Amino acid sequence: MKKVIISIVLLVVVMGANVMYLTFFSESSKALDRYPSMTSLMKSTKEGVDWKIFTKDEKNPTIIVAPHGGGIEPGTTEIAGSIAKKSNSGYYTFEGLREDNNSELHVTSSNYDEPKVQKMIGQSKRTVTIHRTSRKGADVYIGGRDSDLKHKIKKNLTKRGFKVENATGDISGKSVENITNKNKRQAGVQLEISSKTISRFFKNGDYSRISRVRANNWSSTMDHFTDGVVAGLKE
């Protein structure tokens, strides 16, 4: 009986260790999100204090989205905004406004039920969402279900010197529940840009809040990247 109890205890300890490993080292955001949905987040936080939403040209057939903008995934608001402006596309960003703990405002894309962006993407034919990833090895990982647009964007970014890899695993963007794929064609493009690459988009690698919002602090690398995405959209 003692041997059985000891075996069970050891099994629990090993399983617990594995759970801890997955919790702290997995890239999946689902387990780490404080809020299970945007509905839950917006009920528990304050607009204008914790976050804000900015949109432009909401009925455009092409929508560029930064769902984790502002301080949540720094740099993504500015990247998405630049692409939208250059390509004459519609634009949506949800921005974290807090001085710190903006990561608590991250809701994974498959649970992203914010009404305004659902409506904007729902009426569109093409969608590109901009994210930031800690994954290393490439400048950007390209995912989503729109194979044709993915190919065009990847080709144009590669032509401009960016290392582009197909997104896999939890950043693949393949789920039909992913907000990226909620347009009329149920197929969008999800761009996961590495943190190291985003730091190159801002002069001296400074992507603090005050530096991000000033276009004169954006680097030529940012221009080359956004130009590549726009070229893919225009093909």
C-alpha atoms as a PDB file:
ATOM      1  CA  MET A   1       0.000   0.000   0.000  1.00  0.00           C
ATOM      2  CA  LYS A   2       2.841   2.378   0.873  1.00  0.00           C
ATOM      3  CA  LYS A   3       4.468   1.688  -2.507  1.00  0.00           C
ATOM      4  CA  VAL A   4       1.207   2.536  -4.288  1.00  0.00           C
ATOM      5  CA  ILE A   5       0.862   5.808  -2.375  1.00  0.00           C
ATOM      6  CA  ILE A   6       4.494   6.767  -3.088  1.00  0.00           C
ATOM      7  CA  SER A   7       4.002   5.992  -6.795  1.00  0.00           C
ATOM      8  CA  ILE A   8       0.892   8.177  -6.945  1.00  0.00           C
ATOM      9  CA  VAL A   9       2.669  11.050  -5.203  1.00  0.00           C
ATOM     10  CA  LEU A  10       5.609  10.824  -7.603  1.00  0.00           C
ATOM     11  CA  LEU A  11       3.234  10.781 -10.582  1.00  0.00           C
ATOM     12  CA  VAL A  12       1.452  13.900  -9.309  1.00  0.00           C
ATOM     13  CA  VAL A  13       4.784  15.669  -8.778  1.00  0.00           C
ATOM     14  CA  VAL A  14       5.950  14.812 -12.309  1.00  0.00           C
ATOM     15  CA  MET A  15       2.633  15.882 -13.823  1.00  0.00           C
ATOM     16  CA  GLY A  16       2.761  19.099 -11.816  1.00  0.00           C
ATOM     17  CA  ALA A  17       6.234  19.828 -13.124  1.00  0.00           C
ATOM     18  CA  ASN A  18       5.056  19.287 -16.683  1.00  0.00           C
ATOM     19  CA  VAL A  19       2.118  21.633 -16.159  1.00  0.00           C
ATOM     20  CA  MET A  20       4.466  24.291 -14.775  1.00  0.00           C
ATOM     21  CA  TYR A  21       6.741  23.866 -17.770  1.00  0.00           C
ATOM     22  CA  LEU A  22       3.877  24.307 -20.194  1.00  0.00           C
ATOM     23  CA  THR A  23       2.573  27.315 -18.286  1.00  0.00           C
ATOM     24  CA  PHE A  24       5.829  29.220 -18.256  1.00  0.00           C
ATOM     25  CA  PHE A  25       7.407  28.173 -21.553  1.00  0.00           C
ATOM     26  CA  SER A  26       4.576  27.526 -23.997  1.00  0.00           C
ATOM     27  CA  GLU A  27       3.964  30.261 -26.559  1.00  0.00           C
ATOM     28  CA  SER A  28       0.222  29.639 -26.436  1.00  0.00           C
ATOM     29  CA  SER A  29      -1.575  32.703 -25.136  1.00  0.00           C
ATOM     30  CA  LYS A  30      -4.844  30.917 -24.357  1.00  0.00           C
ATOM     31  CA  ALA A  31      -3.591  29.615 -21.025  1.00  0.00           C
ATOM     32  CA  LEU A  32      -2.137  32.982 -20.090  1.00  0.00           C
ATOM     33  CA  ASP A  33      -5.030  35.288 -20.978  1.00  0.00           C
ATOM     34  CA  ARG A  34      -6.601  36.964 -17.965  1.00  0.00           C
ATOM     35  CA  TYR A  35      -9.928  37.357 -19.778  1.00  0.00           C
ATOM     36  CA  PRO A  36     -11.592  34.538 -21.746  1.00  0.00           C
ATOM     37  CA  SER A  37     -13.089  36.934 -24.294  1.00  0.00           C
ATOM     38  CA  MET A  38     -13.251  40.584 -25.276  1.00  0.00           C
ATOM     39  CA  THR A  39     -16.776  40.697 -23.867  1.00  0.00           C
ATOM     40  CA  SER A  40     -15.411  39.716 -20.479  1.00  0.00           C
ATOM     41  CA  LEU A  41     -12.505  42.158 -20.727  1.00  0.00           C
ATOM     42  CA  MET A  42     -14.692  45.125 -21.651  1.00  0.00           C
ATOM     43  CA  LYS A  43     -17.088  44.451 -18.787  1.00  0.00           C
ATOM     44  CA  SER A  44     -14.245  44.368 -16.256  1.00  0.00           C
ATOM     45  CA  THR A  45     -12.169  47.325 -17.483  1.00  0.00           C
ATOM     46  CA  LYS A  46     -12.725  50.946 -18.504  1.00  0.00           C
ATOM     47  CA  GLU A  47     -12.628  52.433 -21.971  1.00  0.00           C
ATOM     48  CA  GLY A  48     -10.399  55.502 -22.071  1.00  0.00           C
ATOM     49  CA  VAL A  49      -8.536  54.377 -18.960  1.00  0.00           C
ATOM     50  CA  ASP A  50      -7.407  50.829 -19.666  1.00  0.00           C
ATOM     51  CA  TRP A  51      -7.923  50.790 -23.432  1.00  0.00           C
ATOM     52  CA  LYS A  52      -9.334  52.567 -26.457  1.00  0.00           C
ATOM     53  CA  ILE A  53     -10.519  51.577 -29.920  1.00  0.00           C
ATOM     54  CA  PHE A  54      -9.705  53.557 -33.052  1.00  0.00           C
ATOM     55  CA  THR A  55     -11.196  52.813 -36.462  1.00  0.00           C
ATOM     56  CA  LYS A  56     -11.126  54.328 -39.920  1.00  0.00           C
ATOM     57  CA  ASP A  57     -13.043  53.564 -43.123  1.00  0.00           C
ATOM     58  CA  GLU A  58     -15.044  50.775 -41.487  1.00  0.00           C
ATOM     59  CA  LYS A  59     -16.792  49.580 -44.687  1.00  0.00           C
ATOM     60  CA  ASN A  60     -13.633  49.157 -46.750  1.00  0.00           C
ATOM     61  CA  PRO A  61     -13.386  45.701 -48.420  1.00  0.00           C
ATOM     62  CA  THR A  62      -9.836  45.385 -47.040  1.00  0.00           C
ATOM     63  CA  ILE A  63      -9.321  45.736 -43.286  1.00  0.00           C
ATOM     64  CA  ILE A  64      -5.963  46.002 -41.479  1.00  0.00           C
ATOM     65  CA  VAL A  65      -6.160  45.154 -37.781  1.00  0.00           C
ATOM     66  CA  ALA A  66      -3.962  45.493 -34.684  1.00  0.00           C
ATOM     67  CA  PRO A  67      -6.037  43.542 -32.136  1.00  0.00           C
ATOM     68  CA  HIS A  68      -3.343  43.794 -29.444  1.00  0.00           C
ATOM     69  CA  GLY A  69      -2.168  47.342 -30.016  1.00  0.00           C
ATOM     70  CA  GLY A  70      -0.815  50.094 -27.807  1.00  0.00           C
ATOM     71  CA  GLY A  71       1.083  48.691 -24.846  1.00  0.00           C
ATOM     72  CA  ILE A  72      -0.211  45.125 -25.306  1.00  0.00           C
ATOM     73  CA  GLU A  73       2.034  44.252 -28.263  1.00  0.00           C
ATOM     74  CA  PRO A  74       4.003  47.497 -28.740  1.00  0.00           C
ATOM     75  CA  GLY A  75       4.516  48.627 -32.307  1.00  0.00           C
ATOM     76  CA  THR A  76       1.606  46.744 -33.853  1.00  0.00           C
ATOM     77  CA  THR A  77      -0.756  49.734 -33.829  1.00  0.00           C
ATOM     78  CA  GLU A  78       1.732  51.845 -35.752  1.00  0.00           C
ATOM     79  CA  ILE A  79       2.587  49.082 -38.244  1.00  0.00           C
ATOM     80  CA  ALA A  80      -1.066  48.331 -38.986  1.00  0.00           C
ATOM     81  CA  GLY A  81      -1.876  52.046 -39.266  1.00  0.00           C
ATOM     82  CA  SER A  82       0.930  52.619 -41.750  1.00  0.00           C
ATOM     83  CA  ILE A  83      -0.144  49.678 -43.917  1.00  0.00           C
ATOM     84  CA  ALA A  84      -3.763  50.846 -43.881  1.00  0.00           C
ATOM     85  CA  LYS A  85      -2.805  54.394 -44.857  1.00  0.00           C
ATOM     86  CA  LYS A  86      -0.498  53.348 -47.685  1.00  0.00           C
ATOM     87  CA  SER A  87      -2.966  50.827 -49.102  1.00  0.00           C
ATOM     88  CA  ASN A  88      -6.117  52.929 -48.599  1.00  0.00           C
ATOM     89  CA  SER A  89      -7.581  50.148 -46.462  1.00  0.00           C
ATOM     90  CA  GLY A  90      -9.883  50.195 -43.463  1.00  0.00           C
ATOM     91  CA  TYR A  91      -8.178  50.211 -40.074  1.00  0.00           C
ATOM     92  CA  TYR A  92      -8.917  48.946 -36.570  1.00  0.00           C
ATOM     93  CA  THR A  93      -6.781  48.964 -33.449  1.00  0.00           C
ATOM     94  CA  PHE A  94      -7.499  48.051 -29.854  1.00  0.00           C
ATOM     95  CA  GLU A  95      -4.872  49.837 -27.762  1.00  0.00           C
ATOM     96  CA  GLY A  96      -3.760  49.138 -24.226  1.00  0.00           C
ATOM     97  CA  LEU A  97      -3.389  52.487 -22.401  1.00  0.00           C
ATOM     98  CA  ARG A  98      -2.054  51.439 -19.011  1.00  0.00           C
ATOM     99  CA  GLU A  99       1.313  52.520 -17.677  1.00  0.00           C
ATOM    100  CA  ASP A 100       2.036  48.837 -17.031  1.00  0.00           C
ATOM    101  CA  ASN A 101       0.327  45.410 -17.035  1.00  0.00           C
ATOM    102  CA  ASN A 102      -1.049  45.939 -20.530  1.00  0.00           C
ATOM    103  CA  SER A 103      -0.413  42.251 -21.205  1.00  0.00           C
ATOM    104  CA  GLU A 104      -3.501  41.549 -19.068  1.00  0.00           C
ATOM    105  CA  LEU A 105      -5.537  43.061 -21.923  1.00  0.00           C
ATOM    106  CA  HIS A 106      -4.469  40.362 -24.395  1.00  0.00           C
ATOM    107  CA  VAL A 107      -7.296  38.144 -25.635  1.00  0.00           C
ATOM    108  CA  THR A 108      -6.345  35.370 -28.038  1.00  0.00           C
ATOM    109  CA  SER A 109      -7.591  35.819 -31.597  1.00  0.00           C
ATOM    110  CA  SER A 110      -9.950  32.828 -31.501  1.00  0.00           C
ATOM    111  CA  ASN A 111     -11.852  34.451 -28.602  1.00  0.00           C
ATOM    112  CA  TYR A 112     -11.831  37.973 -30.036  1.00  0.00           C
ATOM    113  CA  ASP A 113     -15.524  38.857 -29.951  1.00  0.00           C
ATOM    114  CA  GLU A 114     -15.264  42.668 -29.885  1.00  0.00           C
ATOM    115  CA  PRO A 115     -18.398  43.866 -31.797  1.00  0.00           C
ATOM    116  CA  LYS A 116     -16.883  46.690 -33.862  1.00  0.00           C
ATOM    117  CA  VAL A 117     -14.047  44.656 -35.341  1.00  0.00           C
ATOM    118  CA  GLN A 118     -16.380  41.711 -35.931  1.00  0.00           C
ATOM    119  CA  LYS A 119     -18.627  43.978 -37.991  1.00  0.00           C
ATOM    120  CA  MET A 120     -15.744  45.548 -39.914  1.00  0.00           C
ATOM    121  CA  ILE A 121     -14.129  42.227 -40.777  1.00  0.00           C
ATOM    122  CA  GLY A 122     -17.472  40.520 -41.394  1.00  0.00           C
ATOM    123  CA  GLN A 123     -18.300  42.857 -44.283  1.00  0.00           C
ATOM    124  CA  SER A 124     -14.784  42.707 -45.771  1.00  0.00           C
ATOM    125  CA  LYS A 125     -13.208  40.423 -48.350  1.00  0.00           C
ATOM    126  CA  ARG A 126      -9.588  40.702 -47.227  1.00  0.00           C
ATOM    127  CA  THR A 127      -8.133  40.957 -43.742  1.00  0.00           C
ATOM    128  CA  VAL A 128      -4.579  41.356 -42.442  1.00  0.00           C
ATOM    129  CA  THR A 129      -3.932  41.253 -38.697  1.00  0.00           C
ATOM    130  CA  ILE A 130      -0.650  42.438 -37.186  1.00  0.00           C
ATOM    131  CA  HIS A 131       0.822  40.726 -34.121  1.00  0.00           C
ATOM    132  CA  ARG A 132       4.086  40.575 -32.240  1.00  0.00           C
ATOM    133  CA  THR A 133       5.781  37.307 -31.305  1.00  0.00           C
ATOM    134  CA  SER A 134       8.706  36.276 -29.112  1.00  0.00           C
ATOM    135  CA  ARG A 135       9.451  33.443 -31.522  1.00  0.00           C
ATOM    136  CA  LYS A 136      12.941  33.725 -32.997  1.00  0.00           C
ATOM    137  CA  GLY A 137      14.504  32.621 -36.279  1.00  0.00           C
ATOM    138  CA  ALA A 138      12.626  34.819 -38.756  1.00  0.00           C
ATOM    139  CA  ASP A 139      11.611  38.454 -39.090  1.00  0.00           C
ATOM    140  CA  VAL A 140       7.974  37.531 -39.565  1.00  0.00           C
ATOM    141  CA  TYR A 141       5.843  34.411 -39.452  1.00  0.00           C
ATOM    142  CA  ILE A 142       2.944  34.440 -41.894  1.00  0.00           C
ATOM    143  CA  GLY A 143      -0.258  32.546 -41.180  1.00  0.00           C
ATOM    144  CA  GLY A 144      -3.979  32.580 -41.804  1.00  0.00           C
ATOM    145  CA  ARG A 145      -6.223  30.858 -44.336  1.00  0.00           C
ATOM    146  CA  ASP A 146      -5.824  33.192 -47.340  1.00  0.00           C
ATOM    147  CA  SER A 147      -3.175  31.224 -49.244  1.00  0.00           C
ATOM    148  CA  ASP A 148      -3.087  33.528 -52.268  1.00  0.00           C
ATOM    149  CA  LEU A 149      -2.595  36.736 -50.307  1.00  0.00           C
ATOM    150  CA  LYS A 150      -0.077  35.038 -48.011  1.00  0.00           C
ATOM    151  CA  HIS A 151       2.000  34.073 -51.041  1.00  0.00           C
ATOM    152  CA  LYS A 152       1.928  37.620 -52.441  1.00  0.00           C
ATOM    153  CA  ILE A 153       2.869  39.262 -49.149  1.00  0.00           C
ATOM    154  CA  LYS A 154       5.600  36.724 -48.440  1.00  0.00           C
ATOM    155  CA  LYS A 155       7.086  37.237 -51.916  1.00  0.00           C
ATOM    156  CA  ASN A 156       7.160  41.020 -51.574  1.00  0.00           C
ATOM    157  CA  LEU A 157       8.595  40.999 -48.047  1.00  0.00           C
ATOM    158  CA  THR A 158      11.287  38.514 -49.073  1.00  0.00           C
ATOM    159  CA  LYS A 159      12.140  40.714 -52.062  1.00  0.00           C
ATOM    160  CA  ARG A 160      12.812  43.534 -49.585  1.00  0.00           C
ATOM    161  CA  GLY A 161      15.214  41.464 -47.517  1.00  0.00           C
ATOM    162  CA  PHE A 162      12.964  40.170 -44.741  1.00  0.00           C
ATOM    163  CA  LYS A 163      13.172  36.574 -43.629  1.00  0.00           C
ATOM    164  CA  VAL A 164       9.642  35.184 -43.775  1.00  0.00           C
ATOM    165  CA  GLU A 165       8.588  31.756 -42.548  1.00  0.00           C
ATOM    166  CA  ASN A 166       5.229  30.052 -42.561  1.00  0.00           C
ATOM    167  CA  ALA A 167       3.618  30.266 -39.133  1.00  0.00           C
ATOM    168  CA  THR A 168       3.091  27.002 -37.292  1.00  0.00           C
ATOM    169  CA  GLY A 169       1.528  25.821 -34.064  1.00  0.00           C
ATOM    170  CA  ASP A 170      -0.310  28.332 -31.920  1.00  0.00           C
ATOM    171  CA  ILE A 171       0.517  31.274 -34.236  1.00  0.00           C
ATOM    172  CA  SER A 172      -0.550  29.548 -37.466  1.00  0.00           C
ATOM    173  CA  GLY A 173      -3.815  31.529 -37.639  1.00  0.00           C
ATOM    174  CA  LYS A 174      -5.602  28.611 -39.317  1.00  0.00           C
ATOM    175  CA  SER A 175      -8.644  28.351 -37.052  1.00  0.00           C
ATOM    176  CA  VAL A 176     -11.957  29.465 -38.551  1.00  0.00           C
ATOM    177  CA  GLU A 177     -12.644  31.001 -35.125  1.00  0.00           C
ATOM    178  CA  ASN A 178      -9.635  33.306 -35.467  1.00  0.00           C
ATOM    179  CA  ILE A 179     -10.822  36.892 -35.984  1.00  0.00           C
ATOM    180  CA  THR A 180      -8.419  37.072 -38.948  1.00  0.00           C
ATOM    181  CA  ASN A 181     -10.565  34.568 -40.817  1.00  0.00           C
ATOM    182  CA  LYS A 182     -13.985  36.054 -40.034  1.00  0.00           C
ATOM    183  CA  ASN A 183     -14.370  37.934 -43.332  1.00  0.00           C
ATOM    184  CA  LYS A 184     -16.732  36.979 -46.170  1.00  0.00           C
ATOM    185  CA  ARG A 185     -14.231  34.459 -47.541  1.00  0.00           C
ATOM    186  CA  GLN A 186     -13.398  32.996 -44.120  1.00  0.00           C
ATOM    187  CA  ALA A 187      -9.747  33.540 -44.995  1.00  0.00           C
ATOM    188  CA  GLY A 188      -7.346  36.233 -43.834  1.00  0.00           C
ATOM    189  CA  VAL A 189      -3.611  36.760 -43.251  1.00  0.00           C
ATOM    190  CA  GLN A 190      -1.998  36.866 -39.821  1.00  0.00           C
ATOM    191  CA  LEU A 191       1.454  38.448 -39.577  1.00  0.00           C
ATOM    192  CA  GLU A 192       3.450  37.637 -36.439  1.00  0.00           C
ATOM    193  CA  ILE A 193       6.464  39.962 -36.389  1.00  0.00           C
ATOM    194  CA  SER A 194       9.375  39.106 -34.122  1.00  0.00           C
ATOM    195  CA  SER A 195      10.137  41.428 -31.217  1.00  0.00           C
ATOM    196  CA  LYS A 196      13.695  41.850 -32.504  1.00  0.00           C
ATOM    197  CA  THR A 197      12.448  42.979 -35.900  1.00  0.00           C
ATOM    198  CA  ILE A 198       9.931  45.403 -34.428  1.00  0.00           C
ATOM    199  CA  SER A 199      12.721  47.049 -32.443  1.00  0.00           C
ATOM    200  CA  ARG A 200      14.392  47.799 -35.810  1.00  0.00           C
ATOM    201  CA  PHE A 201      11.257  49.645 -36.942  1.00  0.00           C
ATOM    202  CA  PHE A 202      11.980  52.468 -34.487  1.00  0.00           C
ATOM    203  CA  LYS A 203      15.076  54.643 -34.395  1.00  0.00           C
ATOM    204  CA  ASN A 204      17.643  53.512 -31.825  1.00  0.00           C
ATOM    205  CA  GLY A 205      15.366  50.566 -31.064  1.00  0.00           C
ATOM    206  CA  ASP A 206      13.205  52.834 -28.934  1.00  0.00           C
ATOM    207  CA  TYR A 207       9.576  51.701 -29.070  1.00  0.00           C
ATOM    208  CA  SER A 208       8.479  53.386 -25.860  1.00  0.00           C
ATOM    209  CA  ARG A 209       5.029  54.941 -26.012  1.00  0.00           C
ATOM    210  CA  ILE A 210       6.267  58.469 -26.725  1.00  0.00           C
ATOM    211  CA  SER A 211       8.553  57.251 -29.520  1.00  0.00           C
ATOM    212  CA  ARG A 212       6.064  54.897 -31.158  1.00  0.00           C
ATOM    213  CA  VAL A 213       3.427  57.528 -31.812  1.00  0.00           C
ATOM    214  CA  ARG A 214       5.801  59.912 -33.619  1.00  0.00           C
ATOM    215  CA  ALA A 215       6.173  58.977 -37.279  1.00  0.00           C
ATOM    216  CA  ASN A 216       9.518  60.788 -37.436  1.00  0.00           C
ATOM    217  CA  ASN A 217      10.850  58.132 -35.040  1.00  0.00           C
ATOM    218  CA  TRP A 218       9.954  55.339 -37.443  1.00  0.00           C
ATOM    219  CA  SER A 219      12.907  53.853 -39.313  1.00  0.00           C
ATOM    220  CA  SER A 220      13.386  53.092 -43.005  1.00  0.00           C
ATOM    221  CA  THR A 221      13.089  49.408 -42.040  1.00  0.00           C
ATOM    222  CA  MET A 222       9.508  50.071 -40.973  1.00  0.00           C
ATOM    223  CA  ASP A 223       8.901  51.692 -44.369  1.00  0.00           C
ATOM    224  CA  HIS A 224      10.381  48.753 -46.249  1.00  0.00           C
ATOM    225  CA  PHE A 225       8.249  46.304 -44.293  1.00  0.00           C
ATOM    226  CA  THR A 226       4.966  48.148 -44.668  1.00  0.00           C
ATOM    227  CA  ASP A 227       5.754  48.768 -48.365  1.00  0.00           C
ATOM    228  CA  GLY A 228       6.195  45.005 -48.800  1.00  0.00           C
ATOM    229  CA  VAL A 229       2.814  44.216 -47.266  1.00  0.00           C
ATOM    230  CA  VAL A 230       1.139  46.940 -49.340  1.00  0.00           C
ATOM    231  CA  ALA A 231       2.739  45.613 -52.533  1.00  0.00           C
ATOM    232  CA  GLY A 232       1.297  42.197 -51.749  1.00  0.00           C
ATOM    233  CA  LEU A 233      -2.146  43.705 -51.204  1.00  0.00           C
ATOM    234  CA  LYS A 234      -1.982  45.586 -54.507  1.00  0.00           C
ATOM    235  CA  GLU A 235      -0.953  42.629 -56.695  1.00  0.00           C
END
